């Protein structure tokens, strides 16, 4: 038996995030603050490459091990299933778009900064509820997950904490959009060939 790198996008994302946190905690304690956090409203500089990079790179930065493990315990659980179902390229695209959308909206509408992969976590949670459904159907699992996860985040948004419920909600909405609109990678059992359904 051998160990297989079974979900390259998800595993690479996890490893890069862990390495960035290790570097930040050992030799370069401003790395995450400088390159892996989206600044709040009024701090985006259109002529700065740095500002454009952080719109996506914020998903890699985490405030500490508890934050990283909390996000990646779910990403490593759900992500490989989604990567197998949708393919590595499509999943990477969905993760990139989710990070970009949460980064852009946070930059223009919120005073606080944003870092972490929780938007991607919520995208994956909602997207996972679409694994088995037919055309013209709305999965009951999607409705229940939407009510439980996003309902809780909307309720929590009225509290005072350091968590971006907005990022969670936007991530969940991205996952819902991808679930309804993306084609899924599958196999034709009759021929054994790959098909899109």
Foldseek 3Di string as FASTA:
>chain_A
DDDDCQQVQLVVLLVLLVVQQVCCVPPNVCSCVQQQKAAAEPPQDPVDPSNVRNLQNLASYDPDDVQSCVQSVQCVVQVSVQCVWANNVVLVVLQRVLSNVLSVCRHHPHRGMGHHNLLQSLLSCLLSQLSDDDPPDDRPSNVVCCCPPLVVLVVCVPPDDPDPSVSNNSSNVSSNVCSNPPWIWDADPVVRHIDTD
